[in-house]
Amino acid sequence: LVEGGAQTAAAFLRADMVDRLLLYRAPVLLGGKPGLADLGLTALADAHGRWRLVDARTLGSDRLEVYERARGQESH
């Protein structure tokens, strides 16, 4: 479990140390800072095929999506 904000999450993603993503989305955005930091991708194509959606639910007015690392993508 990594909890620490966008910079911390991005550091773990850049280091290829993430096996599962749980993304919670609300219908409103709060705060003034960007919600995502540099993930270390140089091209949009590099993001495709790395994750597969394994669950999606509505939680009240929020949305939870669970992604797992795609097989064969353990290391780059």
PDB file of N, CA and C in Angstrom:
ATOM      1  N   LEU A   1       0.845  -1.173   0.000  1.00  0.00           N
ATOM      2  CA  LEU A   1       0.000   0.000   0.000  1.00  0.00           C
ATOM      3  C   LEU A   1       0.886   1.230   0.000  1.00  0.00           C
ATOM      4  N   VAL A   2       0.636   2.125  -0.938  1.00  0.00           N
ATOM      5  CA  VAL A   2       1.349   3.395  -1.002  1.00  0.00           C
ATOM      6  C   VAL A   2       0.314   4.486  -0.835  1.00  0.00           C
ATOM      7  N   GLU A   3       0.529   5.322   0.149  1.00  0.00           N
ATOM      8  CA  GLU A   3      -0.364   6.449   0.358  1.00  0.00           C
ATOM      9  C   GLU A   3       0.505   7.655   0.636  1.00  0.00           C
ATOM     10  N   GLY A   4       0.414   8.665  -0.213  1.00  0.00           N
ATOM     11  CA  GLY A   4       1.270   9.817   0.010  1.00  0.00           C
ATOM     12  C   GLY A   4       1.115  10.902  -1.026  1.00  0.00           C
ATOM     13  N   GLY A   5       0.157  10.792  -1.892  1.00  0.00           N
ATOM     14  CA  GLY A   5      -0.057  11.840  -2.875  1.00  0.00           C
ATOM     15  C   GLY A   5       0.528  11.515  -4.234  1.00  0.00           C
ATOM     16  N   ALA A   6       0.357  12.462  -5.141  1.00  0.00           N
ATOM     17  CA  ALA A   6       0.720  12.257  -6.544  1.00  0.00           C
ATOM     18  C   ALA A   6       2.212  12.019  -6.736  1.00  0.00           C
ATOM     19  N   GLN A   7       3.053  12.780  -6.051  1.00  0.00           N
ATOM     20  CA  GLN A   7       4.501  12.622  -6.231  1.00  0.00           C
ATOM     21  C   GLN A   7       4.969  11.240  -5.778  1.00  0.00           C
ATOM     22  N   THR A   8       4.477  10.785  -4.637  1.00  0.00           N
ATOM     23  CA  THR A   8       4.865   9.474  -4.109  1.00  0.00           C
ATOM     24  C   THR A   8       4.363   8.355  -5.012  1.00  0.00           C
ATOM     25  N   ALA A   9       3.100   8.431  -5.421  1.00  0.00           N
ATOM     26  CA  ALA A   9       2.534   7.404  -6.302  1.00  0.00           C
ATOM     27  C   ALA A   9       3.303   7.344  -7.622  1.00  0.00           C
ATOM     28  N   ALA A  10       3.618   8.504  -8.193  1.00  0.00           N
ATOM     29  CA  ALA A  10       4.352   8.542  -9.459  1.00  0.00           C
ATOM     30  C   ALA A  10       5.744   7.937  -9.304  1.00  0.00           C
ATOM     31  N   ALA A  11       6.395   8.174  -8.170  1.00  0.00           N
ATOM     32  CA  ALA A  11       7.727   7.609  -7.947  1.00  0.00           C
ATOM     33  C   ALA A  11       7.681   6.084  -7.957  1.00  0.00           C
ATOM     34  N   PHE A  12       6.667   5.502  -7.325  1.00  0.00           N
ATOM     35  CA  PHE A  12       6.540   4.036  -7.319  1.00  0.00           C
ATOM     36  C   PHE A  12       6.203   3.511  -8.712  1.00  0.00           C
ATOM     37  N   LEU A  13       5.374   4.221  -9.468  1.00  0.00           N
ATOM     38  CA  LEU A  13       5.057   3.800 -10.837  1.00  0.00           C
ATOM     39  C   LEU A  13       6.303   3.882 -11.720  1.00  0.00           C
ATOM     40  N   ARG A  14       7.069   4.972 -11.622  1.00  0.00           N
ATOM     41  CA  ARG A  14       8.310   5.109 -12.404  1.00  0.00           C
ATOM     42  C   ARG A  14       9.296   3.995 -12.076  1.00  0.00           C
ATOM     43  N   ALA A  15       9.346   3.576 -10.806  1.00  0.00           N
ATOM     44  CA  ALA A  15      10.272   2.523 -10.378  1.00  0.00           C
ATOM     45  C   ALA A  15       9.734   1.133 -10.685  1.00  0.00           C
ATOM     46  N   ASP A  16       8.575   1.040 -11.318  1.00  0.00           N
ATOM     47  CA  ASP A  16       7.960  -0.233 -11.700  1.00  0.00           C
ATOM     48  C   ASP A  16       7.712  -1.118 -10.477  1.00  0.00           C
ATOM     49  N   MET A  17       7.209  -0.506  -9.402  1.00  0.00           N
ATOM     50  CA  MET A  17       6.971  -1.225  -8.150  1.00  0.00           C
ATOM     51  C   MET A  17       5.486  -1.328  -7.814  1.00  0.00           C
ATOM     52  N   VAL A  18       4.622  -1.262  -8.823  1.00  0.00           N
ATOM     53  CA  VAL A  18       3.180  -1.291  -8.590  1.00  0.00           C
ATOM     54  C   VAL A  18       2.577  -2.477  -9.325  1.00  0.00           C
ATOM     55  N   ASP A  19       1.797  -3.283  -8.613  1.00  0.00           N
ATOM     56  CA  ASP A  19       1.116  -4.429  -9.215  1.00  0.00           C
ATOM     57  C   ASP A  19      -0.381  -4.201  -9.380  1.00  0.00           C
ATOM     58  N   ARG A  20      -0.948  -3.311  -8.558  1.00  0.00           N
ATOM     59  CA  ARG A  20      -2.396  -3.078  -8.599  1.00  0.00           C
ATOM     60  C   ARG A  20      -2.666  -1.599  -8.331  1.00  0.00           C
ATOM     61  N   LEU A  21      -3.589  -1.036  -9.112  1.00  0.00           N
ATOM     62  CA  LEU A  21      -4.022   0.343  -8.930  1.00  0.00           C
ATOM     63  C   LEU A  21      -5.484   0.366  -8.519  1.00  0.00           C
ATOM     64  N   LEU A  22      -5.809   1.097  -7.477  1.00  0.00           N
ATOM     65  CA  LEU A  22      -7.190   1.350  -7.093  1.00  0.00           C
ATOM     66  C   LEU A  22      -7.416   2.842  -7.271  1.00  0.00           C
ATOM     67  N   LEU A  23      -8.224   3.198  -8.247  1.00  0.00           N
ATOM     68  CA  LEU A  23      -8.459   4.598  -8.571  1.00  0.00           C
ATOM     69  C   LEU A  23      -9.862   4.993  -8.150  1.00  0.00           C
ATOM     70  N   TYR A  24      -9.945   5.959  -7.261  1.00  0.00           N
ATOM     71  CA  TYR A  24     -11.230   6.499  -6.823  1.00  0.00           C
ATOM     72  C   TYR A  24     -11.427   7.841  -7.518  1.00  0.00           C
ATOM     73  N   ARG A  25     -12.578   8.010  -8.138  1.00  0.00           N
ATOM     74  CA  ARG A  25     -12.885   9.269  -8.814  1.00  0.00           C
ATOM     75  C   ARG A  25     -14.181   9.826  -8.263  1.00  0.00           C
ATOM     76  N   ALA A  26     -14.152  11.095  -7.956  1.00  0.00           N
ATOM     77  CA  ALA A  26     -15.340  11.801  -7.483  1.00  0.00           C
ATOM     78  C   ALA A  26     -15.827  12.720  -8.603  1.00  0.00           C
ATOM     79  N   PRO A  27     -17.085  13.121  -8.553  1.00  0.00           N
ATOM     80  CA  PRO A  27     -17.610  13.984  -9.616  1.00  0.00           C
ATOM     81  C   PRO A  27     -17.133  15.430  -9.515  1.00  0.00           C
ATOM     82  N   VAL A  28     -16.323  15.771  -8.511  1.00  0.00           N
ATOM     83  CA  VAL A  28     -15.773  17.122  -8.371  1.00  0.00           C
ATOM     84  C   VAL A  28     -14.283  17.018  -8.065  1.00  0.00           C
ATOM     85  N   LEU A  29     -13.539  18.051  -8.431  1.00  0.00           N
ATOM     86  CA  LEU A  29     -12.111  18.118  -8.139  1.00  0.00           C
ATOM     87  C   LEU A  29     -11.880  19.158  -7.060  1.00  0.00           C
ATOM     88  N   LEU A  30     -11.034  18.832  -6.094  1.00  0.00           N
ATOM     89  CA  LEU A  30     -10.693  19.746  -5.013  1.00  0.00           C
ATOM     90  C   LEU A  30      -9.205  20.019  -5.030  1.00  0.00           C
ATOM     91  N   GLY A  31      -8.810  21.171  -4.564  1.00  0.00           N
ATOM     92  CA  GLY A  31      -7.383  21.489  -4.462  1.00  0.00           C
ATOM     93  C   GLY A  31      -6.892  22.253  -5.672  1.00  0.00           C
ATOM     94  N   GLY A  32      -5.714  22.827  -5.529  1.00  0.00           N
ATOM     95  CA  GLY A  32      -5.176  23.655  -6.595  1.00  0.00           C
ATOM     96  C   GLY A  32      -3.994  23.054  -7.313  1.00  0.00           C
ATOM     97  N   LYS A  33      -3.474  21.945  -6.827  1.00  0.00           N
ATOM     98  CA  LYS A  33      -2.302  21.335  -7.454  1.00  0.00           C
ATOM     99  C   LYS A  33      -2.738  20.281  -8.465  1.00  0.00           C
ATOM    100  N   PRO A  34      -1.878  19.998  -9.455  1.00  0.00           N
ATOM    101  CA  PRO A  34      -2.199  18.907 -10.387  1.00  0.00           C
ATOM    102  C   PRO A  34      -2.350  17.594  -9.633  1.00  0.00           C
ATOM    103  N   GLY A  35      -3.235  16.730 -10.111  1.00  0.00           N
ATOM    104  CA  GLY A  35      -3.495  15.468  -9.444  1.00  0.00           C
ATOM    105  C   GLY A  35      -2.562  14.350  -9.847  1.00  0.00           C
ATOM    106  N   LEU A  36      -1.674  14.597 -10.809  1.00  0.00           N
ATOM    107  CA  LEU A  36      -0.805  13.543 -11.301  1.00  0.00           C
ATOM    108  C   LEU A  36       0.580  14.107 -11.535  1.00  0.00           C
ATOM    109  N   ALA A  37       1.578  13.358 -11.177  1.00  0.00           N
ATOM    110  CA  ALA A  37       2.965  13.778 -11.372  1.00  0.00           C
ATOM    111  C   ALA A  37       3.564  13.027 -12.554  1.00  0.00           C
ATOM    112  N   ASP A  38       4.808  13.335 -12.884  1.00  0.00           N
ATOM    113  CA  ASP A  38       5.511  12.695 -13.989  1.00  0.00           C
ATOM    114  C   ASP A  38       5.627  11.199 -13.744  1.00  0.00           C
ATOM    115  N   LEU A  39       5.093  10.409 -14.667  1.00  0.00           N
ATOM    116  CA  LEU A  39       5.118   8.952 -14.539  1.00  0.00           C
ATOM    117  C   LEU A  39       6.294   8.321 -15.265  1.00  0.00           C
ATOM    118  N   GLY A  40       7.092   9.121 -15.942  1.00  0.00           N
ATOM    119  CA  GLY A  40       8.260   8.596 -16.633  1.00  0.00           C
ATOM    120  C   GLY A  40       7.957   8.026 -18.012  1.00  0.00           C
ATOM    121  N   LEU A  41       6.796   8.318 -18.565  1.00  0.00           N
ATOM    122  CA  LEU A  41       6.456   7.848 -19.912  1.00  0.00           C
ATOM    123  C   LEU A  41       6.899   8.889 -20.927  1.00  0.00           C
ATOM    124  N   THR A  42       7.565   8.455 -21.969  1.00  0.00           N
ATOM    125  CA  THR A  42       8.010   9.395 -22.998  1.00  0.00           C
ATOM    126  C   THR A  42       7.052   9.456 -24.178  1.00  0.00           C
ATOM    127  N   ALA A  43       6.185   8.449 -24.322  1.00  0.00           N
ATOM    128  CA  ALA A  43       5.214   8.420 -25.412  1.00  0.00           C
ATOM    129  C   ALA A  43       3.915   7.800 -24.903  1.00  0.00           C
ATOM    130  N   LEU A  44       2.803   8.281 -25.402  1.00  0.00           N
ATOM    131  CA  LEU A  44       1.504   7.761 -24.984  1.00  0.00           C
ATOM    132  C   LEU A  44       1.407   6.258 -25.239  1.00  0.00           C
ATOM    133  N   ALA A  45       2.011   5.779 -26.303  1.00  0.00           N
ATOM    134  CA  ALA A  45       1.966   4.347 -26.623  1.00  0.00           C
ATOM    135  C   ALA A  45       2.586   3.493 -25.519  1.00  0.00           C
ATOM    136  N   ASP A  46       3.517   4.070 -24.747  1.00  0.00           N
ATOM    137  CA  ASP A  46       4.149   3.331 -23.649  1.00  0.00           C
ATOM    138  C   ASP A  46       3.160   2.988 -22.536  1.00  0.00           C
ATOM    139  N   ALA A  47       2.058   3.709 -22.452  1.00  0.00           N
ATOM    140  CA  ALA A  47       1.072   3.481 -21.391  1.00  0.00           C
ATOM    141  C   ALA A  47       0.106   2.348 -21.741  1.00  0.00           C
ATOM    142  N   HIS A  48      -0.063   2.069 -23.006  1.00  0.00           N
ATOM    143  CA  HIS A  48      -1.039   1.068 -23.432  1.00  0.00           C
ATOM    144  C   HIS A  48      -0.559  -0.353 -23.158  1.00  0.00           C
ATOM    145  N   GLY A  49      -1.468  -1.195 -22.681  1.00  0.00           N
ATOM    146  CA  GLY A  49      -1.165  -2.597 -22.470  1.00  0.00           C
ATOM    147  C   GLY A  49      -0.497  -2.914 -21.142  1.00  0.00           C
ATOM    148  N   ARG A  50      -0.221  -1.912 -20.322  1.00  0.00           N
ATOM    149  CA  ARG A  50       0.452  -2.162 -19.043  1.00  0.00           C
ATOM    150  C   ARG A  50      -0.519  -2.615 -17.959  1.00  0.00           C
ATOM    151  N   TRP A  51      -1.778  -2.195 -18.048  1.00  0.00           N
ATOM    152  CA  TRP A  51      -2.762  -2.450 -17.008  1.00  0.00           C
ATOM    153  C   TRP A  51      -4.027  -3.004 -17.604  1.00  0.00           C
ATOM    154  N   ARG A  52      -4.708  -3.861 -16.833  1.00  0.00           N
ATOM    155  CA  ARG A  52      -6.013  -4.358 -17.279  1.00  0.00           C
ATOM    156  C   ARG A  52      -7.032  -4.106 -16.175  1.00  0.00           C
ATOM    157  N   LEU A  53      -8.198  -3.673 -16.577  1.00  0.00           N
ATOM    158  CA  LEU A  53      -9.285  -3.400 -15.648  1.00  0.00           C
ATOM    159  C   LEU A  53      -9.832  -4.717 -15.127  1.00  0.00           C
ATOM    160  N   VAL A  54      -9.865  -4.895 -13.787  1.00  0.00           N
ATOM    161  CA  VAL A  54     -10.366  -6.133 -13.201  1.00  0.00           C
ATOM    162  C   VAL A  54     -11.639  -5.922 -12.391  1.00  0.00           C
ATOM    163  N   ASP A  55     -11.975  -4.678 -12.060  1.00  0.00           N
ATOM    164  CA  ASP A  55     -13.198  -4.400 -11.306  1.00  0.00           C
ATOM    165  C   ASP A  55     -13.536  -2.929 -11.457  1.00  0.00           C
ATOM    166  N   ALA A  56     -14.814  -2.621 -11.464  1.00  0.00           N
ATOM    167  CA  ALA A  56     -15.294  -1.240 -11.501  1.00  0.00           C
ATOM    168  C   ALA A  56     -16.616  -1.190 -10.760  1.00  0.00           C
ATOM    169  N   ARG A  57     -16.741  -0.216  -9.881  1.00  0.00           N
ATOM    170  CA  ARG A  57     -17.961  -0.090  -9.078  1.00  0.00           C
ATOM    171  C   ARG A  57     -18.321   1.371  -8.878  1.00  0.00           C
ATOM    172  N   THR A  58     -19.594   1.600  -8.672  1.00  0.00           N
ATOM    173  CA  THR A  58     -20.066   2.904  -8.263  1.00  0.00           C
ATOM    174  C   THR A  58     -20.263   2.873  -6.757  1.00  0.00           C
ATOM    175  N   LEU A  59     -19.681   3.835  -6.077  1.00  0.00           N
ATOM    176  CA  LEU A  59     -19.783   3.935  -4.625  1.00  0.00           C
ATOM    177  C   LEU A  59     -20.444   5.277  -4.307  1.00  0.00           C
ATOM    178  N   GLY A  60     -21.762   5.268  -4.180  1.00  0.00           N
ATOM    179  CA  GLY A  60     -22.482   6.530  -4.036  1.00  0.00           C
ATOM    180  C   GLY A  60     -22.330   7.305  -5.323  1.00  0.00           C
ATOM    181  N   SER A  61     -21.798   8.532  -5.252  1.00  0.00           N
ATOM    182  CA  SER A  61     -21.568   9.308  -6.474  1.00  0.00           C
ATOM    183  C   SER A  61     -20.127   9.169  -6.970  1.00  0.00           C
ATOM    184  N   ASP A  62     -19.316   8.376  -6.276  1.00  0.00           N
ATOM    185  CA  ASP A  62     -17.923   8.142  -6.670  1.00  0.00           C
ATOM    186  C   ASP A  62     -17.798   6.876  -7.511  1.00  0.00           C
ATOM    187  N   ARG A  63     -16.653   6.708  -8.106  1.00  0.00           N
ATOM    188  CA  ARG A  63     -16.374   5.543  -8.944  1.00  0.00           C
ATOM    189  C   ARG A  63     -15.042   4.939  -8.505  1.00  0.00           C
ATOM    190  N   LEU A  64     -15.010   3.614  -8.366  1.00  0.00           N
ATOM    191  CA  LEU A  64     -13.782   2.877  -8.064  1.00  0.00           C
ATOM    192  C   LEU A  64     -13.456   2.003  -9.257  1.00  0.00           C
ATOM    193  N   GLU A  65     -12.222   2.098  -9.733  1.00  0.00           N
ATOM    194  CA  GLU A  65     -11.728   1.216 -10.787  1.00  0.00           C
ATOM    195  C   GLU A  65     -10.469   0.533 -10.267  1.00  0.00           C
ATOM    196  N   VAL A  66     -10.390  -0.787 -10.446  1.00  0.00           N
ATOM    197  CA  VAL A  66      -9.237  -1.564  -9.998  1.00  0.00           C
ATOM    198  C   VAL A  66      -8.541  -2.121 -11.229  1.00  0.00           C
ATOM    199  N   TYR A  67      -7.254  -1.834 -11.338  1.00  0.00           N
ATOM    200  CA  TYR A  67      -6.440  -2.318 -12.449  1.00  0.00           C
ATOM    201  C   TYR A  67      -5.318  -3.180 -11.891  1.00  0.00           C
ATOM    202  N   GLU A  68      -4.960  -4.222 -12.631  1.00  0.00           N
ATOM    203  CA  GLU A  68      -3.812  -5.046 -12.284  1.00  0.00           C
ATOM    204  C   GLU A  68      -2.818  -5.009 -13.434  1.00  0.00           C
ATOM    205  N   ARG A  69      -1.551  -5.203 -13.089  1.00  0.00           N
ATOM    206  CA  ARG A  69      -0.507  -5.228 -14.109  1.00  0.00           C
ATOM    207  C   ARG A  69      -0.839  -6.308 -15.134  1.00  0.00           C
ATOM    208  N   ALA A  70      -0.737  -5.972 -16.398  1.00  0.00           N
ATOM    209  CA  ALA A  70      -0.999  -6.932 -17.459  1.00  0.00           C
ATOM    210  C   ALA A  70       0.085  -8.008 -17.456  1.00  0.00           C
ATOM    211  N   ARG A  71      -0.286  -9.238 -17.671  1.00  0.00           N
ATOM    212  CA  ARG A  71       0.687 -10.341 -17.700  1.00  0.00           C
ATOM    213  C   ARG A  71       1.709 -10.074 -18.796  1.00  0.00           C
ATOM    214  N   GLY A  72       2.939 -10.458 -18.509  1.00  0.00           N
ATOM    215  CA  GLY A  72       4.006 -10.241 -19.489  1.00  0.00           C
ATOM    216  C   GLY A  72       4.603  -8.856 -19.406  1.00  0.00           C
ATOM    217  N   GLN A  73       4.109  -8.013 -18.482  1.00  0.00           N
ATOM    218  CA  GLN A  73       4.617  -6.661 -18.346  1.00  0.00           C
ATOM    219  C   GLN A  73       5.304  -6.461 -16.999  1.00  0.00           C
ATOM    220  N   GLU A  74       5.836  -7.520 -16.398  1.00  0.00           N
ATOM    221  CA  GLU A  74       6.429  -7.429 -15.074  1.00  0.00           C
ATOM    222  C   GLU A  74       7.661  -6.536 -15.036  1.00  0.00           C
ATOM    223  N   SER A  75       8.429  -6.493 -16.117  1.00  0.00           N
ATOM    224  CA  SER A  75       9.592  -5.620 -16.135  1.00  0.00           C
ATOM    225  C   SER A  75       9.751  -5.052 -17.542  1.00  0.00           C
ATOM    226  N   HIS A  76      10.334  -3.894 -17.626  1.00  0.00           N
ATOM    227  CA  HIS A  76      10.513  -3.213 -18.914  1.00  0.00           C
ATOM    228  C   HIS A  76      11.972  -2.932 -19.138  1.00  0.00           C
TER     229      HIS A  76
END
